[in-house]
Amino acid sequence: MPKVITISDEAYEKLSAIKGEKSFTKAILSLIKEKSCEKMSKKEIIKWIEREERKIGKEKENISEKIDELIYGAKNENT
């Protein structure tokens, strides 16, 4: 459920300039994520990147399997 917040005119102007085409919500979440990353140690950042790479790899693998199913009619088991 959306919440109403009040910010100063200065904060509004700066956030408006930063957000560009994004919604205010997306701009705020992006800033929060950016700030969170600054607080992470290098080791934590590397672990996060590795987790994201694994997720992307699995997504690519799932897409490849679905394409194979569409093309060949069933899962292609190393043939």
PDB file of N, CA and C in Angstrom:
ATOM      1  N   MET A   1       0.841  -1.175   0.000  1.00  0.00           N
ATOM      2  CA  MET A   1       0.000   0.000   0.000  1.00  0.00           C
ATOM      3  C   MET A   1       0.888   1.241   0.000  1.00  0.00           C
ATOM      4  N   PRO A   2       0.623   2.187  -0.869  1.00  0.00           N
ATOM      5  CA  PRO A   2       1.439   3.408  -0.935  1.00  0.00           C
ATOM      6  C   PRO A   2       1.376   4.208   0.357  1.00  0.00           C
ATOM      7  N   LYS A   3       2.449   4.884   0.648  1.00  0.00           N
ATOM      8  CA  LYS A   3       2.544   5.749   1.830  1.00  0.00           C
ATOM      9  C   LYS A   3       2.885   7.154   1.377  1.00  0.00           C
ATOM     10  N   VAL A   4       2.400   8.128   2.103  1.00  0.00           N
ATOM     11  CA  VAL A   4       2.690   9.519   1.802  1.00  0.00           C
ATOM     12  C   VAL A   4       3.817   9.979   2.711  1.00  0.00           C
ATOM     13  N   ILE A   5       4.840  10.611   2.113  1.00  0.00           N
ATOM     14  CA  ILE A   5       5.932  11.166   2.901  1.00  0.00           C
ATOM     15  C   ILE A   5       6.080  12.640   2.550  1.00  0.00           C
ATOM     16  N   THR A   6       6.671  13.378   3.464  1.00  0.00           N
ATOM     17  CA  THR A   6       6.905  14.794   3.222  1.00  0.00           C
ATOM     18  C   THR A   6       8.400  15.034   3.191  1.00  0.00           C
ATOM     19  N   ILE A   7       8.848  15.743   2.149  1.00  0.00           N
ATOM     20  CA  ILE A   7      10.262  16.094   2.042  1.00  0.00           C
ATOM     21  C   ILE A   7      10.367  17.594   1.781  1.00  0.00           C
ATOM     22  N   SER A   8      11.522  18.141   2.053  1.00  0.00           N
ATOM     23  CA  SER A   8      11.729  19.573   1.829  1.00  0.00           C
ATOM     24  C   SER A   8      11.742  19.881   0.339  1.00  0.00           C
ATOM     25  N   ASP A   9      11.556  21.151   0.013  1.00  0.00           N
ATOM     26  CA  ASP A   9      11.624  21.574  -1.390  1.00  0.00           C
ATOM     27  C   ASP A   9      12.988  21.245  -1.988  1.00  0.00           C
ATOM     28  N   GLU A  10      14.027  21.452  -1.209  1.00  0.00           N
ATOM     29  CA  GLU A  10      15.388  21.168  -1.688  1.00  0.00           C
ATOM     30  C   GLU A  10      15.549  19.687  -2.014  1.00  0.00           C
ATOM     31  N   ALA A  11      15.071  18.818  -1.101  1.00  0.00           N
ATOM     32  CA  ALA A  11      15.162  17.380  -1.338  1.00  0.00           C
ATOM     33  C   ALA A  11      14.350  16.986  -2.569  1.00  0.00           C
ATOM     34  N   TYR A  12      13.176  17.579  -2.723  1.00  0.00           N
ATOM     35  CA  TYR A  12      12.324  17.287  -3.880  1.00  0.00           C
ATOM     36  C   TYR A  12      13.024  17.664  -5.181  1.00  0.00           C
ATOM     37  N   GLU A  13      13.611  18.843  -5.213  1.00  0.00           N
ATOM     38  CA  GLU A  13      14.299  19.307  -6.417  1.00  0.00           C
ATOM     39  C   GLU A  13      15.465  18.389  -6.781  1.00  0.00           C
ATOM     40  N   LYS A  14      16.249  18.008  -5.765  1.00  0.00           N
ATOM     41  CA  LYS A  14      17.404  17.131  -6.022  1.00  0.00           C
ATOM     42  C   LYS A  14      16.952  15.747  -6.471  1.00  0.00           C
ATOM     43  N   LEU A  15      15.919  15.213  -5.820  1.00  0.00           N
ATOM     44  CA  LEU A  15      15.415  13.890  -6.197  1.00  0.00           C
ATOM     45  C   LEU A  15      14.813  13.933  -7.599  1.00  0.00           C
ATOM     46  N   SER A  16      14.114  15.006  -7.922  1.00  0.00           N
ATOM     47  CA  SER A  16      13.536  15.156  -9.267  1.00  0.00           C
ATOM     48  C   SER A  16      14.632  15.162 -10.325  1.00  0.00           C
ATOM     49  N   ALA A  17      15.737  15.849 -10.027  1.00  0.00           N
ATOM     50  CA  ALA A  17      16.851  15.919 -10.974  1.00  0.00           C
ATOM     51  C   ALA A  17      17.514  14.556 -11.147  1.00  0.00           C
ATOM     52  N   ILE A  18      17.610  13.796 -10.072  1.00  0.00           N
ATOM     53  CA  ILE A  18      18.269  12.485 -10.102  1.00  0.00           C
ATOM     54  C   ILE A  18      17.414  11.457 -10.832  1.00  0.00           C
ATOM     55  N   LYS A  19      16.108  11.485 -10.604  1.00  0.00           N
ATOM     56  CA  LYS A  19      15.237  10.400 -11.063  1.00  0.00           C
ATOM     57  C   LYS A  19      15.082  10.313 -12.571  1.00  0.00           C
ATOM     58  N   GLY A  20      15.197  11.433 -13.275  1.00  0.00           N
ATOM     59  CA  GLY A  20      15.028  11.376 -14.722  1.00  0.00           C
ATOM     60  C   GLY A  20      13.665  10.831 -15.090  1.00  0.00           C
ATOM     61  N   GLU A  21      13.625   9.772 -15.905  1.00  0.00           N
ATOM     62  CA  GLU A  21      12.369   9.168 -16.358  1.00  0.00           C
ATOM     63  C   GLU A  21      11.776   8.201 -15.334  1.00  0.00           C
ATOM     64  N   LYS A  22      12.567   7.826 -14.316  1.00  0.00           N
ATOM     65  CA  LYS A  22      12.095   6.855 -13.319  1.00  0.00           C
ATOM     66  C   LYS A  22      11.041   7.487 -12.415  1.00  0.00           C
ATOM     67  N   SER A  23      10.254   6.622 -11.781  1.00  0.00           N
ATOM     68  CA  SER A  23       9.313   7.098 -10.775  1.00  0.00           C
ATOM     69  C   SER A  23      10.097   7.485  -9.526  1.00  0.00           C
ATOM     70  N   PHE A  24       9.463   8.255  -8.648  1.00  0.00           N
ATOM     71  CA  PHE A  24      10.117   8.621  -7.401  1.00  0.00           C
ATOM     72  C   PHE A  24      10.436   7.373  -6.583  1.00  0.00           C
ATOM     73  N   THR A  25       9.522   6.405  -6.580  1.00  0.00           N
ATOM     74  CA  THR A  25       9.752   5.158  -5.836  1.00  0.00           C
ATOM     75  C   THR A  25      10.999   4.450  -6.337  1.00  0.00           C
ATOM     76  N   LYS A  26      11.120   4.302  -7.649  1.00  0.00           N
ATOM     77  CA  LYS A  26      12.290   3.620  -8.205  1.00  0.00           C
ATOM     78  C   LYS A  26      13.567   4.409  -7.926  1.00  0.00           C
ATOM     79  N   ALA A  27      13.489   5.726  -7.984  1.00  0.00           N
ATOM     80  CA  ALA A  27      14.665   6.550  -7.702  1.00  0.00           C
ATOM     81  C   ALA A  27      15.105   6.384  -6.245  1.00  0.00           C
ATOM     82  N   ILE A  28      14.145   6.400  -5.338  1.00  0.00           N
ATOM     83  CA  ILE A  28      14.477   6.240  -3.914  1.00  0.00           C
ATOM     84  C   ILE A  28      15.060   4.858  -3.660  1.00  0.00           C
ATOM     85  N   LEU A  29      14.434   3.815  -4.222  1.00  0.00           N
ATOM     86  CA  LEU A  29      14.951   2.455  -4.031  1.00  0.00           C
ATOM     87  C   LEU A  29      16.354   2.309  -4.605  1.00  0.00           C
ATOM     88  N   SER A  30      16.602   2.937  -5.740  1.00  0.00           N
ATOM     89  CA  SER A  30      17.925   2.897  -6.357  1.00  0.00           C
ATOM     90  C   SER A  30      18.968   3.558  -5.458  1.00  0.00           C
ATOM     91  N   LEU A  31      18.615   4.685  -4.882  1.00  0.00           N
ATOM     92  CA  LEU A  31      19.534   5.374  -3.967  1.00  0.00           C
ATOM     93  C   LEU A  31      19.801   4.547  -2.714  1.00  0.00           C
ATOM     94  N   ILE A  32      18.766   3.911  -2.199  1.00  0.00           N
ATOM     95  CA  ILE A  32      18.927   3.059  -1.013  1.00  0.00           C
ATOM     96  C   ILE A  32      19.851   1.891  -1.327  1.00  0.00           C
ATOM     97  N   LYS A  33      19.632   1.268  -2.481  1.00  0.00           N
ATOM     98  CA  LYS A  33      20.472   0.134  -2.889  1.00  0.00           C
ATOM     99  C   LYS A  33      21.923   0.580  -3.056  1.00  0.00           C
ATOM    100  N   GLU A  34      22.113   1.735  -3.690  1.00  0.00           N
ATOM    101  CA  GLU A  34      23.459   2.275  -3.894  1.00  0.00           C
ATOM    102  C   GLU A  34      24.153   2.519  -2.550  1.00  0.00           C
ATOM    103  N   LYS A  35      23.427   3.091  -1.605  1.00  0.00           N
ATOM    104  CA  LYS A  35      23.995   3.384  -0.287  1.00  0.00           C
ATOM    105  C   LYS A  35      24.315   2.082   0.451  1.00  0.00           C
ATOM    106  N   SER A  36      23.447   1.089   0.304  1.00  0.00           N
ATOM    107  CA  SER A  36      23.678  -0.208   0.949  1.00  0.00           C
ATOM    108  C   SER A  36      24.960  -0.840   0.429  1.00  0.00           C
ATOM    109  N   CYS A  37      25.196  -0.712  -0.878  1.00  0.00           N
ATOM    110  CA  CYS A  37      26.400  -1.277  -1.489  1.00  0.00           C
ATOM    111  C   CYS A  37      27.649  -0.591  -0.948  1.00  0.00           C
ATOM    112  N   GLU A  38      27.557   0.699  -0.674  1.00  0.00           N
ATOM    113  CA  GLU A  38      28.707   1.429  -0.146  1.00  0.00           C
ATOM    114  C   GLU A  38      29.118   0.894   1.225  1.00  0.00           C
ATOM    115  N   LYS A  39      28.139   0.395   1.985  1.00  0.00           N
ATOM    116  CA  LYS A  39      28.416  -0.103   3.330  1.00  0.00           C
ATOM    117  C   LYS A  39      28.934  -1.539   3.328  1.00  0.00           C
ATOM    118  N   MET A  40      28.802  -2.220   2.193  1.00  0.00           N
ATOM    119  CA  MET A  40      29.234  -3.611   2.120  1.00  0.00           C
ATOM    120  C   MET A  40      30.752  -3.682   1.973  1.00  0.00           C
ATOM    121  N   SER A  41      31.334  -4.698   2.577  1.00  0.00           N
ATOM    122  CA  SER A  41      32.764  -4.915   2.407  1.00  0.00           C
ATOM    123  C   SER A  41      33.013  -5.467   1.010  1.00  0.00           C
ATOM    124  N   LYS A  42      34.256  -5.432   0.583  1.00  0.00           N
ATOM    125  CA  LYS A  42      34.590  -5.960  -0.742  1.00  0.00           C
ATOM    126  C   LYS A  42      34.211  -7.433  -0.843  1.00  0.00           C
ATOM    127  N   LYS A  43      34.430  -8.173   0.239  1.00  0.00           N
ATOM    128  CA  LYS A  43      34.108  -9.598   0.240  1.00  0.00           C
ATOM    129  C   LYS A  43      32.594  -9.806   0.078  1.00  0.00           C
ATOM    130  N   GLU A  44      31.794  -8.985   0.772  1.00  0.00           N
ATOM    131  CA  GLU A  44      30.344  -9.088   0.653  1.00  0.00           C
ATOM    132  C   GLU A  44      29.879  -8.736  -0.757  1.00  0.00           C
ATOM    133  N   ILE A  45      30.503  -7.735  -1.348  1.00  0.00           N
ATOM    134  CA  ILE A  45      30.150  -7.329  -2.710  1.00  0.00           C
ATOM    135  C   ILE A  45      30.466  -8.456  -3.694  1.00  0.00           C
ATOM    136  N   ILE A  46      31.616  -9.090  -3.534  1.00  0.00           N
ATOM    137  CA  ILE A  46      31.999 -10.200  -4.419  1.00  0.00           C
ATOM    138  C   ILE A  46      31.007 -11.346  -4.272  1.00  0.00           C
ATOM    139  N   LYS A  47      30.616 -11.667  -3.037  1.00  0.00           N
ATOM    140  CA  LYS A  47      29.640 -12.740  -2.811  1.00  0.00           C
ATOM    141  C   LYS A  47      28.307 -12.388  -3.459  1.00  0.00           C
ATOM    142  N   TRP A  48      27.886 -11.127  -3.346  1.00  0.00           N
ATOM    143  CA  TRP A  48      26.632 -10.685  -3.940  1.00  0.00           C
ATOM    144  C   TRP A  48      26.699 -10.819  -5.461  1.00  0.00           C
ATOM    145  N   ILE A  49      27.813 -10.378  -6.046  1.00  0.00           N
ATOM    146  CA  ILE A  49      27.981 -10.480  -7.503  1.00  0.00           C
ATOM    147  C   ILE A  49      27.935 -11.936  -7.942  1.00  0.00           C
ATOM    148  N   GLU A  50      28.601 -12.812  -7.206  1.00  0.00           N
ATOM    149  CA  GLU A  50      28.603 -14.238  -7.550  1.00  0.00           C
ATOM    150  C   GLU A  50      27.193 -14.816  -7.482  1.00  0.00           C
ATOM    151  N   ARG A  51      26.415 -14.429  -6.457  1.00  0.00           N
ATOM    152  CA  ARG A  51      25.028 -14.907  -6.356  1.00  0.00           C
ATOM    153  C   ARG A  51      24.206 -14.430  -7.553  1.00  0.00           C
ATOM    154  N   GLU A  52      24.381 -13.162  -7.904  1.00  0.00           N
ATOM    155  CA  GLU A  52      23.639 -12.620  -9.046  1.00  0.00           C
ATOM    156  C   GLU A  52      24.036 -13.319 -10.344  1.00  0.00           C
ATOM    157  N   GLU A  53      25.332 -13.602 -10.516  1.00  0.00           N
ATOM    158  CA  GLU A  53      25.796 -14.308 -11.710  1.00  0.00           C
ATOM    159  C   GLU A  53      25.188 -15.698 -11.782  1.00  0.00           C
ATOM    160  N   ARG A  54      25.101 -16.393 -10.630  1.00  0.00           N
ATOM    161  CA  ARG A  54      24.482 -17.722 -10.617  1.00  0.00           C
ATOM    162  C   ARG A  54      23.009 -17.636 -11.009  1.00  0.00           C
ATOM    163  N   LYS A  55      22.308 -16.619 -10.493  1.00  0.00           N
ATOM    164  CA  LYS A  55      20.898 -16.443 -10.848  1.00  0.00           C
ATOM    165  C   LYS A  55      20.746 -16.232 -12.351  1.00  0.00           C
ATOM    166  N   ILE A  56      21.582 -15.372 -12.900  1.00  0.00           N
ATOM    167  CA  ILE A  56      21.528 -15.082 -14.331  1.00  0.00           C
ATOM    168  C   ILE A  56      21.835 -16.340 -15.129  1.00  0.00           C
ATOM    169  N   GLY A  57      22.845 -17.092 -14.680  1.00  0.00           N
ATOM    170  CA  GLY A  57      23.198 -18.339 -15.363  1.00  0.00           C
ATOM    171  C   GLY A  57      22.036 -19.313 -15.380  1.00  0.00           C
ATOM    172  N   LYS A  58      21.329 -19.436 -14.246  1.00  0.00           N
ATOM    173  CA  LYS A  58      20.186 -20.344 -14.179  1.00  0.00           C
ATOM    174  C   LYS A  58      19.058 -19.851 -15.067  1.00  0.00           C
ATOM    175  N   GLU A  59      18.856 -18.527 -15.099  1.00  0.00           N
ATOM    176  CA  GLU A  59      17.816 -17.981 -15.962  1.00  0.00           C
ATOM    177  C   GLU A  59      18.133 -18.267 -17.424  1.00  0.00           C
ATOM    178  N   LYS A  60      19.400 -18.091 -17.818  1.00  0.00           N
ATOM    179  CA  LYS A  60      19.804 -18.382 -19.197  1.00  0.00           C
ATOM    180  C   LYS A  60      19.607 -19.857 -19.508  1.00  0.00           C
ATOM    181  N   GLU A  61      19.968 -20.704 -18.541  1.00  0.00           N
ATOM    182  CA  GLU A  61      19.819 -22.149 -18.726  1.00  0.00           C
ATOM    183  C   GLU A  61      18.344 -22.504 -18.907  1.00  0.00           C
ATOM    184  N   ASN A  62      17.478 -21.914 -18.084  1.00  0.00           N
ATOM    185  CA  ASN A  62      16.045 -22.179 -18.195  1.00  0.00           C
ATOM    186  C   ASN A  62      15.504 -21.711 -19.533  1.00  0.00           C
ATOM    187  N   ILE A  63      15.950 -20.575 -20.000  1.00  0.00           N
ATOM    188  CA  ILE A  63      15.509 -20.059 -21.301  1.00  0.00           C
ATOM    189  C   ILE A  63      15.962 -20.999 -22.411  1.00  0.00           C
ATOM    190  N   SER A  64      17.225 -21.459 -22.336  1.00  0.00           N
ATOM    191  CA  SER A  64      17.736 -22.389 -23.345  1.00  0.00           C
ATOM    192  C   SER A  64      16.919 -23.676 -23.372  1.00  0.00           C
ATOM    193  N   GLU A  65      16.571 -24.180 -22.178  1.00  0.00           N
ATOM    194  CA  GLU A  65      15.772 -25.401 -22.106  1.00  0.00           C
ATOM    195  C   GLU A  65      14.393 -25.184 -22.720  1.00  0.00           C
ATOM    196  N   LYS A  66      13.798 -24.039 -22.457  1.00  0.00           N
ATOM    197  CA  LYS A  66      12.476 -23.762 -23.015  1.00  0.00           C
ATOM    198  C   LYS A  66      12.536 -23.629 -24.528  1.00  0.00           C
ATOM    199  N   ILE A  67      13.587 -23.025 -25.028  1.00  0.00           N
ATOM    200  CA  ILE A  67      13.752 -22.912 -26.484  1.00  0.00           C
ATOM    201  C   ILE A  67      13.914 -24.299 -27.091  1.00  0.00           C
ATOM    202  N   ASP A  68      14.741 -25.145 -26.451  1.00  0.00           N
ATOM    203  CA  ASP A  68      14.909 -26.517 -26.936  1.00  0.00           C
ATOM    204  C   ASP A  68      13.574 -27.257 -26.947  1.00  0.00           C
ATOM    205  N   GLU A  69      12.778 -27.074 -25.890  1.00  0.00           N
ATOM    206  CA  GLU A  69      11.478 -27.733 -25.832  1.00  0.00           C
ATOM    207  C   GLU A  69      10.583 -27.268 -26.976  1.00  0.00           C
ATOM    208  N   LEU A  70      10.629 -25.980 -27.272  1.00  0.00           N
ATOM    209  CA  LEU A  70       9.817 -25.463 -28.373  1.00  0.00           C
ATOM    210  C   LEU A  70      10.291 -25.990 -29.719  1.00  0.00           C
ATOM    211  N   ILE A  71      11.600 -26.056 -29.889  1.00  0.00           N
ATOM    212  CA  ILE A  71      12.159 -26.491 -31.170  1.00  0.00           C
ATOM    213  C   ILE A  71      12.059 -27.999 -31.338  1.00  0.00           C
ATOM    214  N   TYR A  72      12.448 -28.735 -30.303  1.00  0.00           N
ATOM    215  CA  TYR A  72      12.548 -30.198 -30.415  1.00  0.00           C
ATOM    216  C   TYR A  72      11.380 -30.937 -29.822  1.00  0.00           C
ATOM    217  N   GLY A  73      10.482 -30.241 -29.121  1.00  0.00           N
ATOM    218  CA  GLY A  73       9.286 -30.889 -28.594  1.00  0.00           C
ATOM    219  C   GLY A  73       9.444 -31.500 -27.213  1.00  0.00           C
ATOM    220  N   ALA A  74      10.654 -31.647 -26.724  1.00  0.00           N
ATOM    221  CA  ALA A  74      10.881 -32.201 -25.383  1.00  0.00           C
ATOM    222  C   ALA A  74      12.242 -31.741 -24.918  1.00  0.00           C
ATOM    223  N   LYS A  75      12.540 -31.986 -23.646  1.00  0.00           N
ATOM    224  CA  LYS A  75      13.855 -31.629 -23.130  1.00  0.00           C
ATOM    225  C   LYS A  75      14.951 -32.345 -23.895  1.00  0.00           C
ATOM    226  N   ASN A  76      15.962 -31.607 -24.280  1.00  0.00           N
ATOM    227  CA  ASN A  76      17.085 -32.175 -25.006  1.00  0.00           C
ATOM    228  C   ASN A  76      18.119 -32.632 -23.979  1.00  0.00           C
ATOM    229  N   GLU A  77      18.249 -33.905 -23.769  1.00  0.00           N
ATOM    230  CA  GLU A  77      19.181 -34.448 -22.783  1.00  0.00           C
ATOM    231  C   GLU A  77      20.509 -34.823 -23.433  1.00  0.00           C
ATOM    232  N   ASN A  78      21.376 -33.824 -23.616  1.00  0.00           N
ATOM    233  CA  ASN A  78      22.733 -34.015 -24.162  1.00  0.00           C
ATOM    234  C   ASN A  78      22.760 -34.881 -25.415  1.00  0.00           C
ATOM    235  N   THR A  79      21.900 -34.552 -26.359  1.00  0.00           N
ATOM    236  CA  THR A  79      21.910 -35.311 -27.620  1.00  0.00           C
ATOM    237  C   THR A  79      22.451 -34.475 -28.727  1.00  0.00           C
TER     238      THR A  79
END
